[in-house]
């Protein structure tokens, strides 16, 4: 006898000391039910094994079905077997999804994790001016897939007696996180500016300490600084490596070389970003992954980056990317006054894209059809 049960999105098929499972589809269920009915009349193990062979054939993983069943935003070409993002109006992107990203989707599905963030990440990437460059698209996916073994988690697991290999697997995560809206959550390193300029008695600039020391009222010893009482938003930073040597950028509405928590940091346009992946330490706003912050001393900020704003991914192992724009939503060691949600920044970048698209239409009449289709889908998220 063959028995079929539906558990979540899967079908579980049981027989004589045998069991298998597959993704549910109405068509597959109908075929398996027919096999199950036939099993009610078999009289020999030979006949039963022949039916079970049909079960195994029917339940073979079909990744095309798996992806499309789990997410309606993915299309698989029956000819090329490549994967594409579905767009508004029933059309399909002209740029295929790199296999490495599909592999990550498959792992997520197998673990019961939603692939919505990965699909949205790809849709945002399709806005990128370099999205149609296959090498760059693959490099982008390789970058977000860069692994990281969390040392504290690894130590805890090994201390608990877990096998080293298994502990390492469980302690491994990704160096860059992906938000629910498809944004990258990476890092930026800065140096705090601890001085400021005020006018002296002659009206000339005078450099003084931005923060005052705090003293023990009994001993007179320095016990801290007034900056320790300030939230992240009230402190001022500058890029750790390039300082003020590169092009000025906007921090909110102010053009300069200042970094603040809770602000969008952006260059005026793409001409200020060196998009050559083969060059390092050149113009553009620099952010990165965990490898990146290992190589630079300073205050570490958490940043959101829209994949559309990634201009270059350096080919070295330093973990840096150059971007047109990023948003600082916190620091590793400083407490914020407020909480900055990725959904808010995602809405801002969506609005920016609509403005850019409108300007292109005004200047050139029509966007290339595939670019317009790819961008519209992101706006509908």
Protein backbone atom coordinates (compact mmCIF):
# COMPACT_ATOMS: atom_id res chain seq x y z
CA UNK A 1 0.00 0.00 0.00
CA UNK A 2 1.21 3.49 -0.86
CA UNK A 3 0.02 6.41 1.29
CA UNK A 4 0.25 10.11 0.46
CA UNK A 5 0.24 12.98 2.98
CA UNK A 6 0.54 16.70 2.31
CA UNK A 7 2.71 18.48 4.90
CA UNK A 8 3.09 22.19 4.30
CA UNK A 9 4.24 22.67 0.72
CA UNK A 10 5.46 19.07 0.40
CA UNK A 11 4.00 15.68 -0.38
CA UNK A 12 5.24 12.79 1.74
CA UNK A 13 4.78 9.35 0.14
CA UNK A 14 5.11 6.20 2.26
CA UNK A 15 5.18 2.52 1.34
CA UNK A 16 6.56 -0.73 2.73
CA UNK A 17 9.51 0.58 4.80
CA UNK A 18 10.06 3.24 2.14
CA UNK A 19 9.39 6.95 2.15
CA UNK A 20 10.11 9.88 -0.10
CA UNK A 21 8.91 13.46 -0.49
CA UNK A 22 8.59 16.15 -3.11
CA UNK A 23 7.21 19.59 -3.65
CA UNK A 24 3.39 19.74 -3.94
CA UNK A 25 1.79 20.58 -7.24
CA UNK A 26 -1.80 19.62 -8.17
CA UNK A 27 -0.57 17.75 -11.24
CA UNK A 28 1.97 15.74 -9.27
CA UNK A 29 -0.58 14.92 -6.56
CA UNK A 30 -3.02 13.61 -9.17
CA UNK A 31 -0.40 11.30 -10.68
CA UNK A 32 0.71 10.03 -7.29
CA UNK A 33 -2.88 9.41 -6.20
CA UNK A 34 -3.38 7.27 -9.30
CA UNK A 35 -0.29 5.23 -8.36
CA UNK A 36 -1.58 4.94 -4.77
CA UNK A 37 -4.92 3.57 -6.01
CA UNK A 38 -3.10 1.01 -8.13
CA UNK A 39 -1.13 -0.11 -5.06
CA UNK A 40 -4.40 -1.22 -3.45
CA UNK A 41 -4.68 -4.11 -5.90
CA UNK A 42 -1.10 -5.40 -6.17
CA UNK A 43 -0.57 -9.03 -5.18
CA UNK A 44 3.23 -9.36 -5.25
CA UNK A 45 6.27 -7.40 -4.10
CA UNK A 46 7.44 -7.36 -7.72
CA UNK A 47 4.30 -5.46 -8.74
CA UNK A 48 4.64 -3.18 -5.71
CA UNK A 49 8.28 -2.35 -6.51
CA UNK A 50 7.26 -1.50 -10.06
CA UNK A 51 4.76 1.02 -8.67
CA UNK A 52 7.29 2.39 -6.21
CA UNK A 53 9.69 2.98 -9.13
CA UNK A 54 6.97 5.17 -10.66
CA UNK A 55 6.70 7.06 -7.34
CA UNK A 56 10.44 7.71 -7.32
CA UNK A 57 10.37 8.89 -10.91
CA UNK A 58 7.46 11.23 -10.22
CA UNK A 59 9.04 12.67 -7.06
CA UNK A 60 12.44 13.46 -8.54
CA UNK A 61 13.35 17.03 -7.66
CA UNK A 62 12.54 19.31 -10.54
CA UNK A 63 14.24 22.53 -9.59
CA UNK A 64 12.33 24.52 -12.19
CA UNK A 65 9.07 23.53 -10.52
CA UNK A 66 10.53 24.08 -7.07
CA UNK A 67 11.63 27.66 -7.72
CA UNK A 68 8.50 28.65 -9.62
CA UNK A 69 6.24 27.03 -7.04
CA UNK A 70 7.95 28.78 -4.13
CA UNK A 71 8.14 32.19 -5.79
CA UNK A 72 5.91 33.53 -8.55
CA UNK A 73 8.57 36.12 -9.48
CA UNK A 74 10.91 33.57 -11.08
CA UNK A 75 10.70 32.24 -14.65
CA UNK A 76 12.73 29.34 -16.04
CA UNK A 77 13.30 29.15 -19.77
CA UNK A 78 12.29 25.70 -21.06
CA UNK A 79 14.90 26.06 -23.82
CA UNK A 80 18.00 27.51 -22.13
CA UNK A 81 17.12 26.32 -18.59
CA UNK A 82 18.24 29.75 -17.35
CA UNK A 83 16.38 31.67 -14.66
CA UNK A 84 14.91 35.15 -15.05
CA UNK A 85 12.93 37.61 -12.97
CA UNK A 86 9.29 38.05 -13.89
CA UNK A 87 8.29 41.66 -14.35
CA UNK A 88 5.11 43.68 -14.42
CA UNK A 89 2.69 42.96 -17.22
CA UNK A 90 3.70 39.31 -17.42
CA UNK A 91 7.00 40.08 -19.15
CA UNK A 92 10.39 38.66 -18.25
CA UNK A 93 13.76 40.32 -17.63
CA UNK A 94 16.32 40.14 -20.42
CA UNK A 95 19.11 39.49 -17.89
CA UNK A 96 19.41 35.96 -16.52
CA UNK A 97 19.96 35.32 -12.82
CA UNK A 98 23.48 33.96 -12.09
CA UNK A 99 23.52 30.29 -11.14
CA UNK A 100 25.21 31.10 -7.81
CA UNK A 101 22.17 33.11 -6.75
CA UNK A 102 19.86 30.32 -7.89
CA UNK A 103 21.93 27.89 -5.79
CA UNK A 104 21.43 30.12 -2.76
CA UNK A 105 17.70 30.23 -3.43
CA UNK A 106 17.65 26.44 -3.56
CA UNK A 107 19.44 26.20 -0.19
CA UNK A 108 16.98 28.70 1.30
CA UNK A 109 14.01 26.73 0.02
CA UNK A 110 15.45 23.49 1.37
CA UNK A 111 15.82 25.18 4.76
CA UNK A 112 12.29 26.58 4.69
CA UNK A 113 13.53 30.17 4.34
CA UNK A 114 11.68 32.69 2.17
CA UNK A 115 13.55 33.72 -0.98
CA UNK A 116 11.66 37.03 -1.19
CA UNK A 117 14.74 39.06 -0.08
CA UNK A 118 16.92 37.37 -2.72
CA UNK A 119 14.37 38.00 -5.48
CA UNK A 120 14.01 41.65 -4.45
CA UNK A 121 17.79 42.00 -4.25
CA UNK A 122 18.05 40.83 -7.86
CA UNK A 123 15.25 43.11 -9.02
CA UNK A 124 17.04 46.07 -7.45
CA UNK A 125 20.30 45.01 -9.07
CA UNK A 126 18.57 45.13 -12.46
CA UNK A 127 18.43 48.92 -12.04
CA UNK A 128 22.22 49.03 -11.88
CA UNK A 129 23.89 50.56 -14.97
CA UNK A 130 26.18 47.49 -15.11
CA UNK A 131 23.41 44.89 -14.64
CA UNK A 132 23.74 43.60 -18.20
CA UNK A 133 27.45 42.85 -17.73
CA UNK A 134 27.55 39.13 -16.99
CA UNK A 135 30.93 39.23 -15.24
CA UNK A 136 29.81 42.03 -12.94
CA UNK A 137 26.51 40.30 -12.12
CA UNK A 138 28.37 37.11 -11.20
CA UNK A 139 30.88 39.07 -9.14
CA UNK A 140 28.03 40.81 -7.31
CA UNK A 141 26.46 37.45 -6.39
CA UNK A 142 29.84 36.04 -5.37
CA UNK A 143 30.30 39.07 -3.11
CA UNK A 144 26.99 38.67 -1.28
CA UNK A 145 27.68 34.94 -0.92
CA UNK A 146 31.08 35.45 0.76
CA UNK A 147 31.01 33.33 3.94
CA UNK A 148 32.12 34.23 7.45
CA UNK A 149 32.71 31.92 10.41
CA UNK A 150 31.54 33.63 13.60
CA UNK A 151 34.36 32.96 16.11
CA UNK A 152 32.23 33.40 19.24
CA UNK A 153 29.58 30.99 17.94
CA UNK A 154 32.23 28.50 16.83
CA UNK A 155 33.86 28.56 20.27
CA UNK A 156 30.52 28.10 22.03
CA UNK A 157 29.60 25.12 19.86
CA UNK A 158 32.97 23.43 20.20
CA UNK A 159 32.97 24.05 23.96
CA UNK A 160 29.63 22.24 24.03
CA UNK A 161 31.33 19.24 22.46
CA UNK A 162 30.13 19.58 18.89
CA UNK A 163 32.33 18.11 16.17
CA UNK A 164 34.65 20.80 14.72
CA UNK A 165 33.38 20.41 11.14
CA UNK A 166 29.72 20.53 12.15
CA UNK A 167 30.38 23.44 14.53
CA UNK A 168 32.07 25.34 11.70
CA UNK A 169 29.09 24.75 9.39
CA UNK A 170 26.65 26.01 12.01
CA UNK A 171 28.81 29.04 12.81
CA UNK A 172 29.09 30.07 9.16
CA UNK A 173 27.04 32.98 7.91
CA UNK A 174 27.35 35.61 5.16
CA UNK A 175 29.63 38.64 5.43
CA UNK A 176 26.94 40.91 4.02
CA UNK A 177 23.32 40.60 5.12
CA UNK A 178 20.28 41.16 2.90
CA UNK A 179 17.24 43.01 4.22
CA UNK A 180 13.63 42.05 3.55
CA UNK A 181 13.52 44.78 0.89
CA UNK A 182 16.57 43.46 -0.96
CA UNK A 183 19.09 46.01 0.34
CA UNK A 184 22.64 45.12 1.31
CA UNK A 185 23.48 45.59 4.98
CA UNK A 186 27.24 46.19 5.11
CA UNK A 187 29.80 48.31 6.90
CA UNK A 188 31.61 51.65 6.70
CA UNK A 189 34.68 52.63 8.73
CA UNK A 190 35.21 56.25 9.81
CA UNK A 191 37.23 58.40 12.18
CA UNK A 192 35.41 60.57 14.69
CA UNK A 193 36.09 64.29 14.40
CA UNK A 194 36.84 65.40 17.95
CA UNK A 195 37.58 69.04 17.26
CA UNK A 196 35.70 71.98 15.84
CA UNK A 197 36.44 75.56 14.83
CA UNK A 198 35.10 78.65 16.55
CA UNK A 199 35.85 82.36 16.05
CA UNK A 200 38.61 83.83 18.19
CA UNK A 201 38.62 87.39 19.52
CA UNK A 202 39.63 88.64 16.06
CA UNK A 203 37.03 86.66 14.19
CA UNK A 204 39.53 84.12 12.89
CA UNK A 205 38.96 80.33 13.07
CA UNK A 206 40.24 78.71 16.27
CA UNK A 207 40.49 74.96 16.70
CA UNK A 208 39.13 73.61 19.97
CA UNK A 209 38.07 70.23 21.36
CA UNK A 210 34.55 69.28 20.37
CA UNK A 211 34.07 67.39 23.62
CA UNK A 212 35.02 68.26 27.19
CA UNK A 213 36.75 65.90 29.59
CA UNK A 214 34.86 64.65 32.64
CA UNK A 215 36.70 64.60 35.97
CA UNK A 216 36.29 62.74 39.21
CA UNK A 217 35.11 65.45 41.62
CA UNK A 218 37.26 64.05 44.42
CA UNK A 219 40.51 63.02 42.74
CA UNK A 220 40.45 65.23 39.68
CA UNK A 221 41.26 62.25 37.47
CA UNK A 222 39.82 62.15 33.95
CA UNK A 223 37.03 59.57 34.01
CA UNK A 224 35.47 60.07 30.61
CA UNK A 225 34.29 62.55 28.01
CA UNK A 226 31.06 64.35 27.28
CA UNK A 227 30.99 62.53 23.93
CA UNK A 228 30.23 59.29 25.82
CA UNK A 229 26.81 60.73 26.67
CA UNK A 230 25.93 61.62 23.08
CA UNK A 231 23.87 59.36 20.80
CA UNK A 232 25.29 58.41 17.43
CA UNK A 233 23.29 61.07 15.60
CA UNK A 234 25.03 63.89 17.51
CA UNK A 235 28.55 62.77 16.70
CA UNK A 236 30.53 63.68 13.59
CA UNK A 237 32.77 61.40 11.52
CA UNK A 238 34.86 61.44 8.35
CA UNK A 239 36.09 58.62 6.05
CA UNK A 240 38.81 56.63 7.82
CA UNK A 241 41.17 56.09 4.87
CA UNK A 242 40.73 58.89 2.33
CA UNK A 243 39.65 61.61 4.76
CA UNK A 244 38.97 64.70 2.68
CA UNK A 245 41.18 63.74 -0.27
CA UNK A 246 38.43 62.35 -2.52
CA UNK A 247 35.44 64.15 -4.06
CA UNK A 248 33.04 65.85 -1.69
CA UNK A 249 29.77 64.03 -1.09
CA UNK A 250 26.39 64.90 0.37
CA UNK A 251 25.58 64.00 3.94
CA UNK A 252 21.89 64.75 3.92
CA UNK A 253 21.78 68.14 2.20
CA UNK A 254 25.31 69.21 3.16
CA UNK A 255 28.15 68.82 0.65
CA UNK A 256 31.49 67.97 2.24
CA UNK A 257 33.33 65.01 3.77
CA UNK A 258 31.20 64.40 6.84
CA UNK A 259 29.52 61.15 7.93
CA UNK A 260 26.57 61.08 10.32
CA UNK A 261 24.28 58.37 11.63
CA UNK A 262 20.75 58.61 10.25
CA UNK A 263 21.79 60.32 7.00
CA UNK A 264 21.97 59.39 3.32
CA UNK A 265 25.48 59.83 1.93
CA UNK A 266 25.67 60.25 -1.83
CA UNK A 267 27.82 61.55 -4.62
CA UNK A 268 26.32 63.99 -7.14
CA UNK A 269 26.34 61.46 -10.01
CA UNK A 270 28.09 58.39 -11.44
CA UNK A 271 30.97 60.45 -12.85
CA UNK A 272 32.30 60.60 -9.27
CA UNK A 273 32.50 56.78 -9.00
CA UNK A 274 35.33 54.81 -10.59
CA UNK A 275 33.48 51.71 -11.81
CA UNK A 276 36.59 49.78 -12.86
CA UNK A 277 36.67 46.61 -10.76
CA UNK A 278 40.38 46.18 -11.48
CA UNK A 279 41.34 49.37 -9.59
CA UNK A 280 41.40 50.00 -5.84
CA UNK A 281 41.64 53.12 -3.65
CA UNK A 282 40.06 55.31 -6.34
CA UNK A 283 37.14 57.72 -6.32
CA UNK A 284 33.72 56.66 -5.11
CA UNK A 285 32.11 56.06 -1.71
CA UNK A 286 33.72 53.03 -0.06
CA UNK A 287 31.83 50.50 2.04
CA UNK A 288 32.32 46.78 2.46
CA UNK A 289 31.90 43.45 4.23
CA UNK A 290 33.52 41.95 7.34
CA UNK A 291 36.84 41.48 5.53
CA UNK A 292 36.75 45.20 4.77
CA UNK A 293 36.40 46.32 8.39
CA UNK A 294 39.18 43.95 9.46
CA UNK A 295 41.64 45.99 7.40
CA UNK A 296 40.77 49.49 8.62
CA UNK A 297 40.90 50.98 12.11
CA UNK A 298 38.17 53.33 13.24
CA UNK A 299 34.50 53.54 14.14
CA UNK A 300 32.46 50.86 12.36
CA UNK A 301 29.04 51.89 11.03
CA UNK A 302 26.23 49.70 9.74
CA UNK A 303 25.05 50.83 6.32
CA UNK A 304 22.28 50.06 3.85
CA UNK A 305 23.20 49.94 0.15
CA UNK A 306 20.80 49.55 -2.74
CA UNK A 307 22.29 47.07 -5.27
CA UNK A 308 21.46 49.64 -7.96
CA UNK A 309 24.12 51.92 -6.44
CA UNK A 310 27.06 49.48 -6.53
CA UNK A 311 29.57 50.75 -9.08
CA UNK A 312 32.55 48.49 -8.53
CA UNK A 313 33.49 45.32 -6.64
CA UNK A 314 37.25 45.20 -6.31
CA UNK A 315 38.96 42.01 -7.41
CA UNK A 316 41.29 41.92 -4.40
CA UNK A 317 40.38 40.19 -1.14
CA UNK A 318 39.88 43.37 0.89
CA UNK A 319 36.09 43.21 0.73
CA UNK A 320 35.50 46.78 -0.47
CA UNK A 321 32.90 47.99 -2.93
CA UNK A 322 32.51 51.47 -4.40
CA UNK A 323 29.04 52.92 -4.44
CA UNK A 324 27.14 56.00 -5.48
CA UNK A 325 25.12 56.18 -2.26
CA UNK A 326 24.61 54.56 1.15
CA UNK A 327 22.67 55.15 4.37
CA UNK A 328 24.24 54.94 7.84
CA UNK A 329 21.76 53.35 10.25
CA UNK A 330 24.00 52.78 13.25
CA UNK A 331 27.40 51.98 14.73
CA UNK A 332 28.76 48.88 16.40
CA UNK A 333 29.74 50.62 19.66
CA UNK A 334 27.54 53.73 19.86
CA UNK A 335 23.87 53.80 20.83
CA UNK A 336 21.47 55.66 18.54
CA UNK A 337 18.73 58.01 19.57
CA UNK A 338 16.39 56.52 16.96
CA UNK A 339 15.84 53.36 14.95
CA UNK A 340 16.24 53.44 11.18
CA UNK A 341 14.30 50.82 9.26
CA UNK A 342 15.51 49.39 5.98
CA UNK A 343 11.99 49.77 4.57
CA UNK A 344 12.24 53.57 4.92
CA UNK A 345 15.50 53.78 3.01
CA UNK A 346 14.22 51.32 0.39
CA UNK A 347 11.26 53.64 -0.20
CA UNK A 348 13.68 56.54 -0.66
CA UNK A 349 15.72 54.74 -3.30
CA UNK A 350 12.53 53.68 -5.08
CA UNK A 351 11.46 57.32 -5.25
CA UNK A 352 14.90 58.32 -6.56
CA UNK A 353 14.62 55.75 -9.33
CA UNK A 354 11.24 57.11 -10.40
CA UNK A 355 12.78 60.59 -10.65
CA UNK A 356 15.77 59.31 -12.62
CA UNK A 357 13.52 57.33 -14.94
CA UNK A 358 11.34 60.37 -15.56
CA UNK A 359 14.42 62.45 -16.45
CA UNK A 360 15.63 59.79 -18.90
CA UNK A 361 12.23 59.72 -20.53
CA UNK A 362 12.26 63.49 -20.78
CA UNK A 363 15.73 63.54 -22.37
CA UNK A 364 15.64 60.48 -24.58
CA UNK A 365 11.99 59.80 -25.30
CA UNK A 366 11.80 56.18 -24.15
CA UNK A 367 13.81 53.91 -21.91
CA UNK A 368 15.07 50.69 -23.43
CA UNK A 369 12.14 48.36 -22.94
CA UNK A 370 13.94 45.76 -20.85
CA UNK A 371 15.35 48.36 -18.42
CA UNK A 372 11.95 49.94 -17.91
CA UNK A 373 10.35 46.55 -17.28
CA UNK A 374 13.01 45.55 -14.79
CA UNK A 375 12.73 48.80 -12.86
CA UNK A 376 8.94 48.86 -12.71
CA UNK A 377 8.86 45.57 -10.87
CA UNK A 378 11.03 46.95 -8.07
CA UNK A 379 8.78 49.96 -7.68
CA UNK A 380 5.86 47.63 -7.08
CA UNK A 381 7.51 45.86 -4.12
